[in-house]
Amino acid sequence: MSDTQATVFDRIKGEIAANPVMLFMKGNALFPQCGFSARVVQILQHLDVPFGTANVLESAELREGIKAFTNWPTIPQLYVNGEFVGGCDIVSEMFASGELETLLGEAGVLKTGHA
């Protein structure tokens, strides 16, 4: 692993540790820059879940680093309590089945009125 990749991995680990729900995405929650990222943001906002974001478009190192970190080829990538959940398709399927709400409830991040 290169020094650059090690530094990026440290940043990723720090972001995940600092945010119970962390989304690595293209753009940010106010201005998603791809439809897949926008969809995950909409789901999290619909569930009224506080979440952190990291814009992978700001850094080629971060964009490639997050893919290497999880060995997952696509963005966005959602983490809950330090665990990789998945990308847009998985998050959408989990939301439709109610599984995402259950996961977020178990993680203690859903506000009252959900779960």
PDB file of N, CA and C in Angstrom:
ATOM      1  N   MET A   1       0.856  -1.181   0.000  1.00  0.00           N
ATOM      2  CA  MET A   1       0.000   0.000   0.000  1.00  0.00           C
ATOM      3  C   MET A   1       0.897   1.238   0.000  1.00  0.00           C
ATOM      4  N   SER A   2       0.577   2.183  -0.863  1.00  0.00           N
ATOM      5  CA  SER A   2       1.360   3.417  -0.941  1.00  0.00           C
ATOM      6  C   SER A   2       1.043   4.331   0.249  1.00  0.00           C
ATOM      7  N   ASP A   3       1.914   5.306   0.470  1.00  0.00           N
ATOM      8  CA  ASP A   3       1.663   6.283   1.539  1.00  0.00           C
ATOM      9  C   ASP A   3       0.373   7.045   1.279  1.00  0.00           C
ATOM     10  N   THR A   4       0.131   7.386   0.003  1.00  0.00           N
ATOM     11  CA  THR A   4      -1.091   8.118  -0.355  1.00  0.00           C
ATOM     12  C   THR A   4      -2.319   7.286  -0.029  1.00  0.00           C
ATOM     13  N   GLN A   5      -2.284   6.004  -0.403  1.00  0.00           N
ATOM     14  CA  GLN A   5      -3.437   5.144  -0.124  1.00  0.00           C
ATOM     15  C   GLN A   5      -3.621   4.969   1.381  1.00  0.00           C
ATOM     16  N   ALA A   6      -2.530   4.833   2.124  1.00  0.00           N
ATOM     17  CA  ALA A   6      -2.628   4.699   3.575  1.00  0.00           C
ATOM     18  C   ALA A   6      -3.255   5.946   4.183  1.00  0.00           C
ATOM     19  N   THR A   7      -2.879   7.121   3.681  1.00  0.00           N
ATOM     20  CA  THR A   7      -3.442   8.381   4.168  1.00  0.00           C
ATOM     21  C   THR A   7      -4.931   8.453   3.861  1.00  0.00           C
ATOM     22  N   VAL A   8      -5.321   8.039   2.652  1.00  0.00           N
ATOM     23  CA  VAL A   8      -6.736   8.044   2.256  1.00  0.00           C
ATOM     24  C   VAL A   8      -7.510   7.053   3.117  1.00  0.00           C
ATOM     25  N   PHE A   9      -6.957   5.875   3.348  1.00  0.00           N
ATOM     26  CA  PHE A   9      -7.636   4.885   4.188  1.00  0.00           C
ATOM     27  C   PHE A   9      -7.824   5.428   5.604  1.00  0.00           C
ATOM     28  N   ASP A  10      -6.823   6.144   6.121  1.00  0.00           N
ATOM     29  CA  ASP A  10      -6.954   6.758   7.448  1.00  0.00           C
ATOM     30  C   ASP A  10      -8.083   7.775   7.457  1.00  0.00           C
ATOM     31  N   ARG A  11      -8.194   8.574   6.388  1.00  0.00           N
ATOM     32  CA  ARG A  11      -9.284   9.557   6.290  1.00  0.00           C
ATOM     33  C   ARG A  11     -10.630   8.838   6.272  1.00  0.00           C
ATOM     34  N   ILE A  12     -10.731   7.784   5.457  1.00  0.00           N
ATOM     35  CA  ILE A  12     -11.987   7.033   5.351  1.00  0.00           C
ATOM     36  C   ILE A  12     -12.363   6.459   6.716  1.00  0.00           C
ATOM     37  N   LYS A  13     -11.409   5.829   7.390  1.00  0.00           N
ATOM     38  CA  LYS A  13     -11.674   5.257   8.720  1.00  0.00           C
ATOM     39  C   LYS A  13     -12.123   6.336   9.703  1.00  0.00           C
ATOM     40  N   GLY A  14     -11.491   7.506   9.623  1.00  0.00           N
ATOM     41  CA  GLY A  14     -11.861   8.612  10.504  1.00  0.00           C
ATOM     42  C   GLY A  14     -13.274   9.097  10.256  1.00  0.00           C
ATOM     43  N   GLU A  15     -13.638   9.240   8.983  1.00  0.00           N
ATOM     44  CA  GLU A  15     -14.998   9.684   8.621  1.00  0.00           C
ATOM     45  C   GLU A  15     -16.032   8.668   9.110  1.00  0.00           C
ATOM     46  N   ILE A  16     -15.737   7.387   8.908  1.00  0.00           N
ATOM     47  CA  ILE A  16     -16.669   6.334   9.319  1.00  0.00           C
ATOM     48  C   ILE A  16     -16.804   6.309  10.842  1.00  0.00           C
ATOM     49  N   ALA A  17     -15.697   6.490  11.550  1.00  0.00           N
ATOM     50  CA  ALA A  17     -15.726   6.481  13.017  1.00  0.00           C
ATOM     51  C   ALA A  17     -16.462   7.692  13.573  1.00  0.00           C
ATOM     52  N   ALA A  18     -16.359   8.828  12.883  1.00  0.00           N
ATOM     53  CA  ALA A  18     -16.947  10.075  13.386  1.00  0.00           C
ATOM     54  C   ALA A  18     -18.443  10.193  13.100  1.00  0.00           C
ATOM     55  N   ASN A  19     -18.954   9.389  12.170  1.00  0.00           N
ATOM     56  CA  ASN A  19     -20.354   9.499  11.747  1.00  0.00           C
ATOM     57  C   ASN A  19     -21.031   8.137  11.813  1.00  0.00           C
ATOM     58  N   PRO A  20     -22.015   7.965  12.703  1.00  0.00           N
ATOM     59  CA  PRO A  20     -22.707   6.678  12.774  1.00  0.00           C
ATOM     60  C   PRO A  20     -23.297   6.263  11.426  1.00  0.00           C
ATOM     61  N   VAL A  21     -23.733   7.244  10.627  1.00  0.00           N
ATOM     62  CA  VAL A  21     -24.200   6.976   9.267  1.00  0.00           C
ATOM     63  C   VAL A  21     -23.347   7.855   8.353  1.00  0.00           C
ATOM     64  N   MET A  22     -22.583   7.209   7.473  1.00  0.00           N
ATOM     65  CA  MET A  22     -21.641   7.930   6.616  1.00  0.00           C
ATOM     66  C   MET A  22     -21.855   7.518   5.173  1.00  0.00           C
ATOM     67  N   LEU A  23     -21.988   8.525   4.309  1.00  0.00           N
ATOM     68  CA  LEU A  23     -22.210   8.270   2.886  1.00  0.00           C
ATOM     69  C   LEU A  23     -21.076   8.878   2.072  1.00  0.00           C
ATOM     70  N   PHE A  24     -20.356   8.030   1.366  1.00  0.00           N
ATOM     71  CA  PHE A  24     -19.365   8.483   0.392  1.00  0.00           C
ATOM     72  C   PHE A  24     -20.111   8.581  -0.926  1.00  0.00           C
ATOM     73  N   MET A  25     -20.134   9.784  -1.497  1.00  0.00           N
ATOM     74  CA  MET A  25     -21.016  10.046  -2.629  1.00  0.00           C
ATOM     75  C   MET A  25     -20.390  11.035  -3.599  1.00  0.00           C
ATOM     76  N   LYS A  26     -21.057  11.212  -4.725  1.00  0.00           N
ATOM     77  CA  LYS A  26     -20.670  12.241  -5.681  1.00  0.00           C
ATOM     78  C   LYS A  26     -21.508  13.475  -5.373  1.00  0.00           C
ATOM     79  N   GLY A  27     -20.839  14.539  -4.957  1.00  0.00           N
ATOM     80  CA  GLY A  27     -21.527  15.750  -4.528  1.00  0.00           C
ATOM     81  C   GLY A  27     -21.708  15.722  -3.021  1.00  0.00           C
ATOM     82  N   ASN A  28     -22.737  16.438  -2.551  1.00  0.00           N
ATOM     83  CA  ASN A  28     -23.049  16.434  -1.124  1.00  0.00           C
ATOM     84  C   ASN A  28     -24.561  16.352  -0.953  1.00  0.00           C
ATOM     85  N   ALA A  29     -25.009  16.302   0.287  1.00  0.00           N
ATOM     86  CA  ALA A  29     -26.433  16.093   0.552  1.00  0.00           C
ATOM     87  C   ALA A  29     -27.298  17.198  -0.047  1.00  0.00           C
ATOM     88  N   LEU A  30     -26.785  18.427  -0.098  1.00  0.00           N
ATOM     89  CA  LEU A  30     -27.554  19.537  -0.658  1.00  0.00           C
ATOM     90  C   LEU A  30     -27.501  19.570  -2.180  1.00  0.00           C
ATOM     91  N   PHE A  31     -26.425  19.019  -2.755  1.00  0.00           N
ATOM     92  CA  PHE A  31     -26.255  19.057  -4.198  1.00  0.00           C
ATOM     93  C   PHE A  31     -25.612  17.764  -4.696  1.00  0.00           C
ATOM     94  N   PRO A  32     -26.379  16.663  -4.675  1.00  0.00           N
ATOM     95  CA  PRO A  32     -25.846  15.409  -5.203  1.00  0.00           C
ATOM     96  C   PRO A  32     -25.517  15.578  -6.688  1.00  0.00           C
ATOM     97  N   GLN A  33     -24.422  14.955  -7.131  1.00  0.00           N
ATOM     98  CA  GLN A  33     -23.999  15.124  -8.509  1.00  0.00           C
ATOM     99  C   GLN A  33     -24.102  13.842  -9.325  1.00  0.00           C
ATOM    100  N   CYS A  34     -24.903  12.904  -8.855  1.00  0.00           N
ATOM    101  CA  CYS A  34     -25.286  11.761  -9.682  1.00  0.00           C
ATOM    102  C   CYS A  34     -26.601  11.224  -9.147  1.00  0.00           C
ATOM    103  N   GLY A  35     -27.361  10.597 -10.008  1.00  0.00           N
ATOM    104  CA  GLY A  35     -28.681  10.097  -9.629  1.00  0.00           C
ATOM    105  C   GLY A  35     -28.643   9.053  -8.527  1.00  0.00           C
ATOM    106  N   PHE A  36     -27.613   8.212  -8.537  1.00  0.00           N
ATOM    107  CA  PHE A  36     -27.514   7.163  -7.529  1.00  0.00           C
ATOM    108  C   PHE A  36     -27.253   7.763  -6.148  1.00  0.00           C
ATOM    109  N   SER A  37     -26.348   8.743  -6.096  1.00  0.00           N
ATOM    110  CA  SER A  37     -26.080   9.424  -4.826  1.00  0.00           C
ATOM    111  C   SER A  37     -27.334  10.150  -4.354  1.00  0.00           C
ATOM    112  N   ALA A  38     -28.029  10.805  -5.279  1.00  0.00           N
ATOM    113  CA  ALA A  38     -29.253  11.534  -4.933  1.00  0.00           C
ATOM    114  C   ALA A  38     -30.296  10.592  -4.343  1.00  0.00           C
ATOM    115  N   ARG A  39     -30.406   9.401  -4.883  1.00  0.00           N
ATOM    116  CA  ARG A  39     -31.393   8.435  -4.399  1.00  0.00           C
ATOM    117  C   ARG A  39     -31.110   8.030  -2.952  1.00  0.00           C
ATOM    118  N   VAL A  40     -29.855   7.756  -2.640  1.00  0.00           N
ATOM    119  CA  VAL A  40     -29.510   7.357  -1.265  1.00  0.00           C
ATOM    120  C   VAL A  40     -29.748   8.523  -0.301  1.00  0.00           C
ATOM    121  N   VAL A  41     -29.389   9.736  -0.726  1.00  0.00           N
ATOM    122  CA  VAL A  41     -29.651  10.921   0.100  1.00  0.00           C
ATOM    123  C   VAL A  41     -31.155  11.052   0.361  1.00  0.00           C
ATOM    124  N   GLN A  42     -31.979  10.875  -0.670  1.00  0.00           N
ATOM    125  CA  GLN A  42     -33.439  10.977  -0.514  1.00  0.00           C
ATOM    126  C   GLN A  42     -33.954   9.953   0.500  1.00  0.00           C
ATOM    127  N   ILE A  43     -33.438   8.740   0.427  1.00  0.00           N
ATOM    128  CA  ILE A  43     -33.875   7.687   1.356  1.00  0.00           C
ATOM    129  C   ILE A  43     -33.505   8.063   2.790  1.00  0.00           C
ATOM    130  N   LEU A  44     -32.267   8.484   2.995  1.00  0.00           N
ATOM    131  CA  LEU A  44     -31.827   8.843   4.354  1.00  0.00           C
ATOM    132  C   LEU A  44     -32.602  10.049   4.877  1.00  0.00           C
ATOM    133  N   GLN A  45     -32.857  11.026   4.016  1.00  0.00           N
ATOM    134  CA  GLN A  45     -33.634  12.197   4.436  1.00  0.00           C
ATOM    135  C   GLN A  45     -35.073  11.817   4.722  1.00  0.00           C
ATOM    136  N   HIS A  46     -35.641  10.924   3.927  1.00  0.00           N
ATOM    137  CA  HIS A  46     -37.012  10.458   4.160  1.00  0.00           C
ATOM    138  C   HIS A  46     -37.120   9.788   5.530  1.00  0.00           C
ATOM    139  N   LEU A  47     -36.089   9.052   5.913  1.00  0.00           N
ATOM    140  CA  LEU A  47     -36.079   8.376   7.214  1.00  0.00           C
ATOM    141  C   LEU A  47     -35.656   9.308   8.342  1.00  0.00           C
ATOM    142  N   ASP A  48     -35.322  10.561   7.989  1.00  0.00           N
ATOM    143  CA  ASP A  48     -34.939  11.585   8.969  1.00  0.00           C
ATOM    144  C   ASP A  48     -33.725  11.146   9.787  1.00  0.00           C
ATOM    145  N   VAL A  49     -32.751  10.579   9.075  1.00  0.00           N
ATOM    146  CA  VAL A  49     -31.536  10.073   9.706  1.00  0.00           C
ATOM    147  C   VAL A  49     -30.415  11.091   9.516  1.00  0.00           C
ATOM    148  N   PRO A  50     -29.757  11.504  10.589  1.00  0.00           N
ATOM    149  CA  PRO A  50     -28.582  12.369  10.418  1.00  0.00           C
ATOM    150  C   PRO A  50     -27.435  11.547   9.820  1.00  0.00           C
ATOM    151  N   PHE A  51     -26.743  12.135   8.844  1.00  0.00           N
ATOM    152  CA  PHE A  51     -25.648  11.398   8.219  1.00  0.00           C
ATOM    153  C   PHE A  51     -24.573  12.354   7.735  1.00  0.00           C
ATOM    154  N   GLY A  52     -23.353  11.852   7.716  1.00  0.00           N
ATOM    155  CA  GLY A  52     -22.227  12.598   7.185  1.00  0.00           C
ATOM    156  C   GLY A  52     -22.013  12.221   5.732  1.00  0.00           C
ATOM    157  N   THR A  53     -21.383  13.125   4.996  1.00  0.00           N
ATOM    158  CA  THR A  53     -21.064  12.819   3.603  1.00  0.00           C
ATOM    159  C   THR A  53     -19.623  13.196   3.309  1.00  0.00           C
ATOM    160  N   ALA A  54     -19.065  12.515   2.334  1.00  0.00           N
ATOM    161  CA  ALA A  54     -17.770  12.872   1.779  1.00  0.00           C
ATOM    162  C   ALA A  54     -17.930  12.882   0.269  1.00  0.00           C
ATOM    163  N   ASN A  55     -17.542  13.985  -0.352  1.00  0.00           N
ATOM    164  CA  ASN A  55     -17.670  14.153  -1.796  1.00  0.00           C
ATOM    165  C   ASN A  55     -16.439  13.560  -2.476  1.00  0.00           C
ATOM    166  N   VAL A  56     -16.622  12.425  -3.140  1.00  0.00           N
ATOM    167  CA  VAL A  56     -15.489  11.757  -3.787  1.00  0.00           C
ATOM    168  C   VAL A  56     -15.019  12.499  -5.035  1.00  0.00           C
ATOM    169  N   LEU A  57     -15.817  13.450  -5.511  1.00  0.00           N
ATOM    170  CA  LEU A  57     -15.405  14.212  -6.699  1.00  0.00           C
ATOM    171  C   LEU A  57     -14.338  15.251  -6.365  1.00  0.00           C
ATOM    172  N   GLU A  58     -14.160  15.532  -5.075  1.00  0.00           N
ATOM    173  CA  GLU A  58     -13.158  16.522  -4.661  1.00  0.00           C
ATOM    174  C   GLU A  58     -11.744  15.979  -4.729  1.00  0.00           C
ATOM    175  N   SER A  59     -11.607  14.652  -4.805  1.00  0.00           N
ATOM    176  CA  SER A  59     -10.277  14.056  -4.735  1.00  0.00           C
ATOM    177  C   SER A  59     -10.251  12.719  -5.467  1.00  0.00           C
ATOM    178  N   ALA A  60      -9.377  12.615  -6.472  1.00  0.00           N
ATOM    179  CA  ALA A  60      -9.214  11.343  -7.185  1.00  0.00           C
ATOM    180  C   ALA A  60      -8.729  10.263  -6.226  1.00  0.00           C
ATOM    181  N   GLU A  61      -7.888  10.656  -5.260  1.00  0.00           N
ATOM    182  CA  GLU A  61      -7.383   9.693  -4.284  1.00  0.00           C
ATOM    183  C   GLU A  61      -8.522   9.118  -3.448  1.00  0.00           C
ATOM    184  N   LEU A  62      -9.439   9.981  -3.011  1.00  0.00           N
ATOM    185  CA  LEU A  62     -10.575   9.504  -2.232  1.00  0.00           C
ATOM    186  C   LEU A  62     -11.497   8.654  -3.095  1.00  0.00           C
ATOM    187  N   ARG A  63     -11.747   9.095  -4.322  1.00  0.00           N
ATOM    188  CA  ARG A  63     -12.649   8.367  -5.231  1.00  0.00           C
ATOM    189  C   ARG A  63     -12.135   6.943  -5.460  1.00  0.00           C
ATOM    190  N   GLU A  64     -10.849   6.791  -5.717  1.00  0.00           N
ATOM    191  CA  GLU A  64     -10.285   5.462  -5.928  1.00  0.00           C
ATOM    192  C   GLU A  64     -10.064   4.737  -4.604  1.00  0.00           C
ATOM    193  N   GLY A  65      -9.716   5.514  -3.567  1.00  0.00           N
ATOM    194  CA  GLY A  65      -9.439   4.922  -2.261  1.00  0.00           C
ATOM    195  C   GLY A  65     -10.643   4.242  -1.646  1.00  0.00           C
ATOM    196  N   ILE A  66     -11.826   4.856  -1.763  1.00  0.00           N
ATOM    197  CA  ILE A  66     -13.019   4.257  -1.161  1.00  0.00           C
ATOM    198  C   ILE A  66     -13.367   2.949  -1.864  1.00  0.00           C
ATOM    199  N   LYS A  67     -13.134   2.886  -3.169  1.00  0.00           N
ATOM    200  CA  LYS A  67     -13.388   1.638  -3.909  1.00  0.00           C
ATOM    201  C   LYS A  67     -12.439   0.540  -3.447  1.00  0.00           C
ATOM    202  N   ALA A  68     -11.173   0.895  -3.236  1.00  0.00           N
ATOM    203  CA  ALA A  68     -10.183  -0.086  -2.768  1.00  0.00           C
ATOM    204  C   ALA A  68     -10.454  -0.476  -1.318  1.00  0.00           C
ATOM    205  N   PHE A  69     -10.881   0.484  -0.513  1.00  0.00           N
ATOM    206  CA  PHE A  69     -11.129   0.257   0.915  1.00  0.00           C
ATOM    207  C   PHE A  69     -12.163  -0.841   1.119  1.00  0.00           C
ATOM    208  N   THR A  70     -13.232  -0.809   0.324  1.00  0.00           N
ATOM    209  CA  THR A  70     -14.318  -1.779   0.477  1.00  0.00           C
ATOM    210  C   THR A  70     -14.255  -2.906  -0.538  1.00  0.00           C
ATOM    211  N   ASN A  71     -13.384  -2.746  -1.529  1.00  0.00           N
ATOM    212  CA  ASN A  71     -13.367  -3.678  -2.658  1.00  0.00           C
ATOM    213  C   ASN A  71     -14.745  -3.701  -3.323  1.00  0.00           C
ATOM    214  N   TRP A  72     -15.323  -2.508  -3.463  1.00  0.00           N
ATOM    215  CA  TRP A  72     -16.652  -2.321  -4.059  1.00  0.00           C
ATOM    216  C   TRP A  72     -16.483  -1.290  -5.168  1.00  0.00           C
ATOM    217  N   PRO A  73     -16.918  -1.581  -6.396  1.00  0.00           N
ATOM    218  CA  PRO A  73     -16.528  -0.744  -7.542  1.00  0.00           C
ATOM    219  C   PRO A  73     -17.335   0.529  -7.756  1.00  0.00           C
ATOM    220  N   THR A  74     -18.426   0.694  -7.034  1.00  0.00           N
ATOM    221  CA  THR A  74     -19.303   1.823  -7.353  1.00  0.00           C
ATOM    222  C   THR A  74     -19.476   2.778  -6.182  1.00  0.00           C
ATOM    223  N   ILE A  75     -19.943   3.961  -6.520  1.00  0.00           N
ATOM    224  CA  ILE A  75     -20.249   5.018  -5.562  1.00  0.00           C
ATOM    225  C   ILE A  75     -21.684   5.428  -5.862  1.00  0.00           C
ATOM    226  N   PRO A  76     -22.509   5.663  -4.871  1.00  0.00           N
ATOM    227  CA  PRO A  76     -22.231   5.907  -3.456  1.00  0.00           C
ATOM    228  C   PRO A  76     -21.988   4.628  -2.661  1.00  0.00           C
ATOM    229  N   GLN A  77     -21.442   4.827  -1.457  1.00  0.00           N
ATOM    230  CA  GLN A  77     -21.231   3.747  -0.507  1.00  0.00           C
ATOM    231  C   GLN A  77     -21.705   4.220   0.862  1.00  0.00           C
ATOM    232  N   LEU A  78     -22.578   3.421   1.462  1.00  0.00           N
ATOM    233  CA  LEU A  78     -23.164   3.762   2.756  1.00  0.00           C
ATOM    234  C   LEU A  78     -22.587   2.875   3.856  1.00  0.00           C
ATOM    235  N   TYR A  79     -22.243   3.524   4.967  1.00  0.00           N
ATOM    236  CA  TYR A  79     -21.753   2.833   6.158  1.00  0.00           C
ATOM    237  C   TYR A  79     -22.669   3.170   7.324  1.00  0.00           C
ATOM    238  N   VAL A  80     -22.979   2.159   8.135  1.00  0.00           N
ATOM    239  CA  VAL A  80     -23.761   2.360   9.347  1.00  0.00           C
ATOM    240  C   VAL A  80     -22.988   1.729  10.502  1.00  0.00           C
ATOM    241  N   ASN A  81     -22.688   2.541  11.500  1.00  0.00           N
ATOM    242  CA  ASN A  81     -21.898   2.106  12.659  1.00  0.00           C
ATOM    243  C   ASN A  81     -20.636   1.361  12.238  1.00  0.00           C
ATOM    244  N   GLY A  82     -19.949   1.918  11.238  1.00  0.00           N
ATOM    245  CA  GLY A  82     -18.667   1.377  10.823  1.00  0.00           C
ATOM    246  C   GLY A  82     -18.735   0.222   9.852  1.00  0.00           C
ATOM    247  N   GLU A  83     -19.938  -0.262   9.561  1.00  0.00           N
ATOM    248  CA  GLU A  83     -20.092  -1.408   8.667  1.00  0.00           C
ATOM    249  C   GLU A  83     -20.565  -0.948   7.289  1.00  0.00           C
ATOM    250  N   PHE A  84     -19.941  -1.482   6.251  1.00  0.00           N
ATOM    251  CA  PHE A  84     -20.357  -1.182   4.888  1.00  0.00           C
ATOM    252  C   PHE A  84     -21.707  -1.830   4.619  1.00  0.00           C
ATOM    253  N   VAL A  85     -22.680  -1.020   4.196  1.00  0.00           N
ATOM    254  CA  VAL A  85     -24.023  -1.522   3.908  1.00  0.00           C
ATOM    255  C   VAL A  85     -24.148  -1.859   2.429  1.00  0.00           C
ATOM    256  N   GLY A  86     -23.751  -0.921   1.559  1.00  0.00           N
ATOM    257  CA  GLY A  86     -23.842  -1.165   0.128  1.00  0.00           C
ATOM    258  C   GLY A  86     -23.974   0.128  -0.636  1.00  0.00           C
ATOM    259  N   GLY A  87     -24.303  -0.018  -1.902  1.00  0.00           N
ATOM    260  CA  GLY A  87     -24.497   1.112  -2.795  1.00  0.00           C
ATOM    261  C   GLY A  87     -25.968   1.391  -3.004  1.00  0.00           C
ATOM    262  N   CYS A  88     -26.272   2.127  -4.039  1.00  0.00           N
ATOM    263  CA  CYS A  88     -27.637   2.597  -4.284  1.00  0.00           C
ATOM    264  C   CYS A  88     -28.644   1.449  -4.417  1.00  0.00           C
ATOM    265  N   ASP A  89     -28.333   0.427  -5.216  1.00  0.00           N
ATOM    266  CA  ASP A  89     -29.285  -0.662  -5.427  1.00  0.00           C
ATOM    267  C   ASP A  89     -29.586  -1.396  -4.125  1.00  0.00           C
ATOM    268  N   ILE A  90     -28.553  -1.699  -3.368  1.00  0.00           N
ATOM    269  CA  ILE A  90     -28.741  -2.433  -2.107  1.00  0.00           C
ATOM    270  C   ILE A  90     -29.515  -1.573  -1.110  1.00  0.00           C
ATOM    271  N   VAL A  91     -29.133  -0.308  -0.980  1.00  0.00           N
ATOM    272  CA  VAL A  91     -29.824   0.591  -0.054  1.00  0.00           C
ATOM    273  C   VAL A  91     -31.287   0.737  -0.465  1.00  0.00           C
ATOM    274  N   SER A  92     -31.546   0.889  -1.763  1.00  0.00           N
ATOM    275  CA  SER A  92     -32.932   1.014  -2.256  1.00  0.00           C
ATOM    276  C   SER A  92     -33.740  -0.235  -1.956  1.00  0.00           C
ATOM    277  N   GLU A  93     -33.156  -1.411  -2.178  1.00  0.00           N
ATOM    278  CA  GLU A  93     -33.850  -2.670  -1.895  1.00  0.00           C
ATOM    279  C   GLU A  93     -34.114  -2.813  -0.399  1.00  0.00           C
ATOM    280  N   MET A  94     -33.120  -2.459   0.415  1.00  0.00           N
ATOM    281  CA  MET A  94     -33.290  -2.552   1.869  1.00  0.00           C
ATOM    282  C   MET A  94     -34.367  -1.581   2.351  1.00  0.00           C
ATOM    283  N   PHE A  95     -34.431  -0.397   1.745  1.00  0.00           N
ATOM    284  CA  PHE A  95     -35.455   0.584   2.110  1.00  0.00           C
ATOM    285  C   PHE A  95     -36.834   0.046   1.752  1.00  0.00           C
ATOM    286  N   ALA A  96     -36.974  -0.502   0.544  1.00  0.00           N
ATOM    287  CA  ALA A  96     -38.274  -1.008   0.084  1.00  0.00           C
ATOM    288  C   ALA A  96     -38.776  -2.157   0.960  1.00  0.00           C
ATOM    289  N   SER A  97     -37.869  -2.984   1.459  1.00  0.00           N
ATOM    290  CA  SER A  97     -38.264  -4.146   2.262  1.00  0.00           C
ATOM    291  C   SER A  97     -38.435  -3.823   3.745  1.00  0.00           C
ATOM    292  N   GLY A  98     -37.994  -2.620   4.160  1.00  0.00           N
ATOM    293  CA  GLY A  98     -38.050  -2.256   5.569  1.00  0.00           C
ATOM    294  C   GLY A  98     -36.782  -2.633   6.321  1.00  0.00           C
ATOM    295  N   GLU A  99     -35.892  -3.354   5.655  1.00  0.00           N
ATOM    296  CA  GLU A  99     -34.658  -3.818   6.297  1.00  0.00           C
ATOM    297  C   GLU A  99     -33.746  -2.652   6.687  1.00  0.00           C
ATOM    298  N   LEU A 100     -33.730  -1.591   5.882  1.00  0.00           N
ATOM    299  CA  LEU A 100     -32.871  -0.445   6.190  1.00  0.00           C
ATOM    300  C   LEU A 100     -33.336   0.243   7.470  1.00  0.00           C
ATOM    301  N   GLU A 101     -34.644   0.428   7.595  1.00  0.00           N
ATOM    302  CA  GLU A 101     -35.184   1.047   8.812  1.00  0.00           C
ATOM    303  C   GLU A 101     -34.838   0.210  10.045  1.00  0.00           C
ATOM    304  N   THR A 102     -34.935  -1.100   9.918  1.00  0.00           N
ATOM    305  CA  THR A 102     -34.576  -1.997  11.014  1.00  0.00           C
ATOM    306  C   THR A 102     -33.107  -1.831  11.376  1.00  0.00           C
ATOM    307  N   LEU A 103     -32.237  -1.832  10.367  1.00  0.00           N
ATOM    308  CA  LEU A 103     -30.800  -1.670  10.593  1.00  0.00           C
ATOM    309  C   LEU A 103     -30.502  -0.347  11.286  1.00  0.00           C
ATOM    310  N   LEU A 104     -31.103   0.733  10.793  1.00  0.00           N
ATOM    311  CA  LEU A 104     -30.872   2.054  11.379  1.00  0.00           C
ATOM    312  C   LEU A 104     -31.442   2.146  12.790  1.00  0.00           C
ATOM    313  N   GLY A 105     -32.566   1.486  13.023  1.00  0.00           N
ATOM    314  CA  GLY A 105     -33.145   1.449  14.373  1.00  0.00           C
ATOM    315  C   GLY A 105     -32.238   0.712  15.342  1.00  0.00           C
ATOM    316  N   GLU A 106     -31.703  -0.434  14.895  1.00  0.00           N
ATOM    317  CA  GLU A 106     -30.785  -1.197  15.732  1.00  0.00           C
ATOM    318  C   GLU A 106     -29.503  -0.425  16.004  1.00  0.00           C
ATOM    319  N   ALA A 107     -29.114   0.421  15.033  1.00  0.00           N
ATOM    320  CA  ALA A 107     -27.900   1.235  15.197  1.00  0.00           C
ATOM    321  C   ALA A 107     -28.150   2.430  16.103  1.00  0.00           C
ATOM    322  N   GLY A 108     -29.409   2.679  16.439  1.00  0.00           N
ATOM    323  CA  GLY A 108     -29.735   3.775  17.344  1.00  0.00           C
ATOM    324  C   GLY A 108     -29.716   5.150  16.700  1.00  0.00           C
ATOM    325  N   VAL A 109     -29.892   5.207  15.389  1.00  0.00           N
ATOM    326  CA  VAL A 109     -29.816   6.505  14.705  1.00  0.00           C
ATOM    327  C   VAL A 109     -31.165   6.998  14.183  1.00  0.00           C
ATOM    328  N   LEU A 110     -32.192   6.193  14.286  1.00  0.00           N
ATOM    329  CA  LEU A 110     -33.519   6.650  13.851  1.00  0.00           C
ATOM    330  C   LEU A 110     -34.129   7.519  14.936  1.00  0.00           C
ATOM    331  N   LYS A 111     -34.740   8.608  14.522  1.00  0.00           N
ATOM    332  CA  LYS A 111     -35.435   9.472  15.480  1.00  0.00           C
ATOM    333  C   LYS A 111     -36.773   8.835  15.832  1.00  0.00           C
ATOM    334  N   THR A 112     -37.390   9.271  16.906  1.00  0.00           N
ATOM    335  CA  THR A 112     -38.671   8.709  17.307  1.00  0.00           C
ATOM    336  C   THR A 112     -39.687   8.908  16.186  1.00  0.00           C
ATOM    337  N   GLY A 113     -40.605   7.959  16.102  1.00  0.00           N
ATOM    338  CA  GLY A 113     -41.605   8.015  15.055  1.00  0.00           C
ATOM    339  C   GLY A 113     -41.270   7.093  13.903  1.00  0.00           C
ATOM    340  N   HIS A 114     -40.076   6.533  13.901  1.00  0.00           N
ATOM    341  CA  HIS A 114     -39.678   5.557  12.885  1.00  0.00           C
ATOM    342  C   HIS A 114     -39.367   4.247  13.591  1.00  0.00           C
ATOM    343  N   ALA A 115     -39.235   3.205  12.797  1.00  0.00           N
ATOM    344  CA  ALA A 115     -38.852   1.843  13.220  1.00  0.00           C
ATOM    345  C   ALA A 115     -39.997   1.081  13.824  1.00  0.00           C
TER     346      ALA A 115
END
